[in-house]
C-alpha atoms as a PDB file:
ATOM      1  CA  GLN A   1      52.066 -14.913  40.414  1.00  0.00           C
ATOM      2  CA  ALA A   2      48.842 -16.699  40.886  1.00  0.00           C
ATOM      3  CA  GLU A   3      47.684 -15.377  37.834  1.00  0.00           C
ATOM      4  CA  GLU A   4      50.792 -15.673  35.850  1.00  0.00           C
ATOM      5  CA  GLU A   5      49.995 -19.905  36.762  1.00  0.00           C
ATOM      6  CA  LEU A   6      46.547 -19.502  36.061  1.00  0.00           C
ATOM      7  CA  LYS A   7      47.290 -18.081  32.459  1.00  0.00           C
ATOM      8  CA  ALA A   8      50.004 -20.722  32.172  1.00  0.00           C
ATOM      9  CA  ALA A   9      47.699 -23.377  32.934  1.00  0.00           C
ATOM     10  CA  TRP A  10      45.328 -21.928  30.887  1.00  0.00           C
ATOM     11  CA  SER A  11      47.546 -22.060  27.729  1.00  0.00           C
ATOM     12  CA  GLN A  12      48.195 -25.441  28.234  1.00  0.00           C
ATOM     13  CA  GLN A  13      44.720 -26.776  28.348  1.00  0.00           C
ATOM     14  CA  ALA A  14      44.213 -24.394  25.363  1.00  0.00           C
ATOM     15  CA  GLY A  15      46.821 -26.095  23.566  1.00  0.00           C
ATOM     16  CA  GLN A  16      46.032 -29.360  24.826  1.00  0.00           C
ATOM     17  CA  LEU A  17      42.358 -28.875  23.901  1.00  0.00           C
ATOM     18  CA  ARG A  18      43.515 -27.624  20.155  1.00  0.00           C
ATOM     19  CA  GLU A  19      45.574 -30.606  19.600  1.00  0.00           C
ATOM     20  CA  MET A  20      42.507 -33.161  20.543  1.00  0.00           C
ATOM     21  CA  GLU A  21      40.445 -31.031  18.078  1.00  0.00           C
ATOM     22  CA  ARG A  22      43.260 -31.770  15.088  1.00  0.00           C
ATOM     23  CA  ARG A  23      43.300 -35.239  16.237  1.00  0.00           C
ATOM     24  CA  GLU A  24      39.302 -35.571  15.751  1.00  0.00           C
ATOM     25  CA  ARG A  25      39.498 -34.058  12.733  1.00  0.00           C
ATOM     26  CA  LEU A  26      42.338 -36.520  11.574  1.00  0.00           C
ATOM     27  CA  LEU A  27      40.208 -39.281  12.647  1.00  0.00           C
ATOM     28  CA  ARG A  28      37.226 -38.248  10.682  1.00  0.00           C
ATOM     29  CA  SER A  29      38.901 -37.662   8.001  1.00  0.00           C
ATOM     30  CA  GLU A  30      40.557 -40.983   8.075  1.00  0.00           C
ATOM     31  CA  VAL A  31      36.780 -42.694   9.358  1.00  0.00           C
ATOM     32  CA  GLN A  32      35.461 -40.925   6.078  1.00  0.00           C
ATOM     33  CA  ARG A  33      38.123 -42.171   3.710  1.00  0.00           C
ATOM     34  CA  ALA A  34      37.750 -45.722   4.872  1.00  0.00           C
ATOM     35  CA  GLY A  35      33.920 -45.530   4.397  1.00  0.00           C
ATOM     36  CA  GLU A  36      34.831 -44.632   0.827  1.00  0.00           C
ATOM     37  CA  GLN A  37      37.117 -47.289   0.199  1.00  0.00           C
ATOM     38  CA  LEU A  38      34.696 -49.704   1.572  1.00  0.00           C
ATOM     39  CA  GLU A  39      31.840 -48.296  -0.904  1.00  0.00           C
ATOM     40  CA  SER A  40      34.548 -48.552  -3.675  1.00  0.00           C
ATOM     41  CA  PHE A  41      35.175 -52.211  -2.513  1.00  0.00           C
ATOM     42  CA  LYS A  42      31.528 -53.256  -2.128  1.00  0.00           C
ATOM     43  CA  THR A  43      30.871 -51.934  -6.022  1.00  0.00           C
ATOM     44  CA  GLN A  44      33.891 -53.852  -7.096  1.00  0.00           C
ATOM     45  CA  VAL A  45      33.027 -57.269  -5.275  1.00  0.00           C
ATOM     46  CA  MET A  46      29.257 -56.852  -6.716  1.00  0.00           C
ATOM     47  CA  GLN A  47      31.044 -55.449 -10.373  1.00  0.00           C
ATOM     48  CA  VAL A  48      32.976 -58.855 -10.655  1.00  0.00           C
ATOM     49  CA  CYS A  49      30.158 -61.111  -9.317  1.00  0.00           C
ATOM     50  CA  SER A  50      27.171 -59.628 -11.348  1.00  0.00           C
ATOM     51  CA  PRO A  51      28.286 -56.612 -13.479  1.00  0.00           C
ATOM     52  CA  SER A  52      24.528 -55.943 -14.841  1.00  0.00           C
ATOM     53  CA  ALA A  53      23.576 -55.512 -11.120  1.00  0.00           C
ATOM     54  CA  ALA A  54      26.667 -53.366  -9.978  1.00  0.00           C
ATOM     55  CA  GLY A  55      25.473 -49.456  -9.908  1.00  0.00           C
ATOM     56  CA  SER A  56      22.479 -50.109 -11.948  1.00  0.00           C
ATOM     57  CA  SER A  57      20.167 -48.538  -9.609  1.00  0.00           C
ATOM     58  CA  GLY A  58      22.528 -45.906  -8.437  1.00  0.00           C
ATOM     59  CA  LYS A  59      22.047 -46.653  -4.509  1.00  0.00           C
ATOM     60  CA  PRO A  60      25.139 -47.750  -3.022  1.00  0.00           C
ATOM     61  CA  VAL A  61      25.380 -51.429  -2.520  1.00  0.00           C
ATOM     62  CA  THR A  62      24.881 -52.613   1.285  1.00  0.00           C
ATOM     63  CA  GLU A  63      27.029 -55.364   2.971  1.00  0.00           C
ATOM     64  CA  GLN A  64      24.139 -57.856   2.657  1.00  0.00           C
ATOM     65  CA  GLN A  65      24.203 -57.255  -1.126  1.00  0.00           C
ATOM     66  CA  VAL A  66      27.666 -58.306  -0.942  1.00  0.00           C
ATOM     67  CA  ILE A  67      27.469 -61.019   1.312  1.00  0.00           C
ATOM     68  CA  GLU A  68      24.192 -62.662  -0.374  1.00  0.00           C
ATOM     69  CA  LYS A  69      26.047 -62.399  -4.018  1.00  0.00           C
ATOM     70  CA  VAL A  70      29.502 -64.143  -2.489  1.00  0.00           C
ATOM     71  CA  ARG A  71      27.454 -66.839  -0.697  1.00  0.00           C
ATOM     72  CA  GLN A  72      25.434 -67.348  -4.345  1.00  0.00           C
ATOM     73  CA  ILE A  73      28.565 -67.763  -5.824  1.00  0.00           C
ATOM     74  CA  SER A  74      30.001 -70.054  -3.337  1.00  0.00           C
ATOM     75  CA  ASP A  75      26.744 -72.675  -3.492  1.00  0.00           C
ATOM     76  CA  GLU A  76      27.482 -72.517  -7.432  1.00  0.00           C
ATOM     77  CA  ASN A  77      30.808 -73.149  -6.675  1.00  0.00           C
ATOM     78  CA  GLN A  78      29.999 -76.141  -4.419  1.00  0.00           C
ATOM     79  CA  GLN A  79      27.507 -77.442  -7.093  1.00  0.00           C
ATOM     80  CA  SER A  80      29.654 -77.382  -9.778  1.00  0.00           C
ATOM     81  CA  HIS A  81      32.424 -79.578  -7.900  1.00  0.00           C
ATOM     82  CA  GLU A  82      30.008 -81.800  -7.012  1.00  0.00           C
ATOM     83  CA  ARG A  83      28.563 -82.147 -10.648  1.00  0.00           C
ATOM     84  CA  GLU A  84      32.042 -82.547 -11.454  1.00  0.00           C
ATOM     85  CA  LYS A  85      32.817 -85.271  -9.479  1.00  0.00           C
ATOM     86  CA  SER A  86      29.273 -86.634 -10.704  1.00  0.00           C
ATOM     87  CA  LEU A  87      30.852 -86.435 -14.003  1.00  0.00           C
ATOM     88  CA  GLN A  88      34.303 -88.062 -13.592  1.00  0.00           C
ATOM     89  CA  LYS A  89      32.938 -90.948 -11.944  1.00  0.00           C
ATOM     90  CA  ASP A  90      30.396 -91.337 -15.175  1.00  0.00           C
ATOM     91  CA  LEU A  91      33.289 -90.908 -17.191  1.00  0.00           C
ATOM     92  CA  SER A  92      35.665 -93.720 -15.530  1.00  0.00           C
ATOM     93  CA  SER A  93      32.564 -96.390 -15.157  1.00  0.00           C
ATOM     94  CA  ARG A  94      32.057 -95.346 -19.284  1.00  0.00           C
ATOM     95  CA  LEU A  95      35.710 -96.024 -19.833  1.00  0.00           C
ATOM     96  CA  ALA A  96      35.751 -99.073 -17.816  1.00  0.00           C
ATOM     97  CA  LYS A  97      32.996-100.265 -19.319  1.00  0.00           C
ATOM     98  CA  GLU A  98      34.621 -99.585 -22.629  1.00  0.00           C
ATOM     99  CA  ARG A  99      37.675-101.392 -21.691  1.00  0.00           C
ATOM    100  CA  GLU A 100      35.332-104.173 -21.021  1.00  0.00           C
ATOM    101  CA  VAL A 101      33.862-104.448 -24.575  1.00  0.00           C
ATOM    102  CA  SER A 102      37.021-104.245 -26.345  1.00  0.00           C
ATOM    103  CA  ALA A 103      38.539-107.318 -24.415  1.00  0.00           C
ATOM    104  CA  ASN A 104      35.495-109.034 -25.311  1.00  0.00           C
ATOM    105  CA  ILE A 105      35.945-107.705 -29.025  1.00  0.00           C
ATOM    106  CA  GLU A 106      39.637-109.162 -28.894  1.00  0.00           C
ATOM    107  CA  VAL A 107      38.091-112.440 -27.486  1.00  0.00           C
ATOM    108  CA  PHE A 108      35.347-113.038 -29.806  1.00  0.00           C
ATOM    109  CA  LYS A 109      38.646-111.771 -32.780  1.00  0.00           C
ATOM    110  CA  ASN A 110      40.672-114.501 -31.829  1.00  0.00           C
ATOM    111  CA  SER A 111      37.884-116.940 -31.080  1.00  0.00           C
ATOM    112  CA  LEU A 112      36.965-116.073 -34.953  1.00  0.00           C
ATOM    113  CA  GLN A 113      40.106-116.589 -36.244  1.00  0.00           C
ATOM    114  CA  LYS A 114      40.920-119.825 -34.956  1.00  0.00           C
ATOM    115  CA  LEU A 115      37.124-120.858 -36.276  1.00  0.00           C
ATOM    116  CA  GLN A 116      38.475-119.567 -39.894  1.00  0.00           C
END
């Protein structure tokens, strides 16, 4: 009877071990697939950010390269917004001056007509 119990325990543990091995294979497969997806995503980001740089060396794109490129684009975007604000301010100033000059011209025209 002890031998039968030992065989049953061994069989149960062997089944658990096989299940653990199966889960490990699944996890390894999922980790590999996630790594491939990450590489694909990084390459896609670099292609969008800098088409000429992405994949030109044949080496995988590093996270640092992606971060630097995204940071560069963010900085350029911020500079662009600041430039746009500056141009809007200049435009508003010039329009105000133009309205002032137009008003002065109207006053001058009226004065000239009264003198004639």
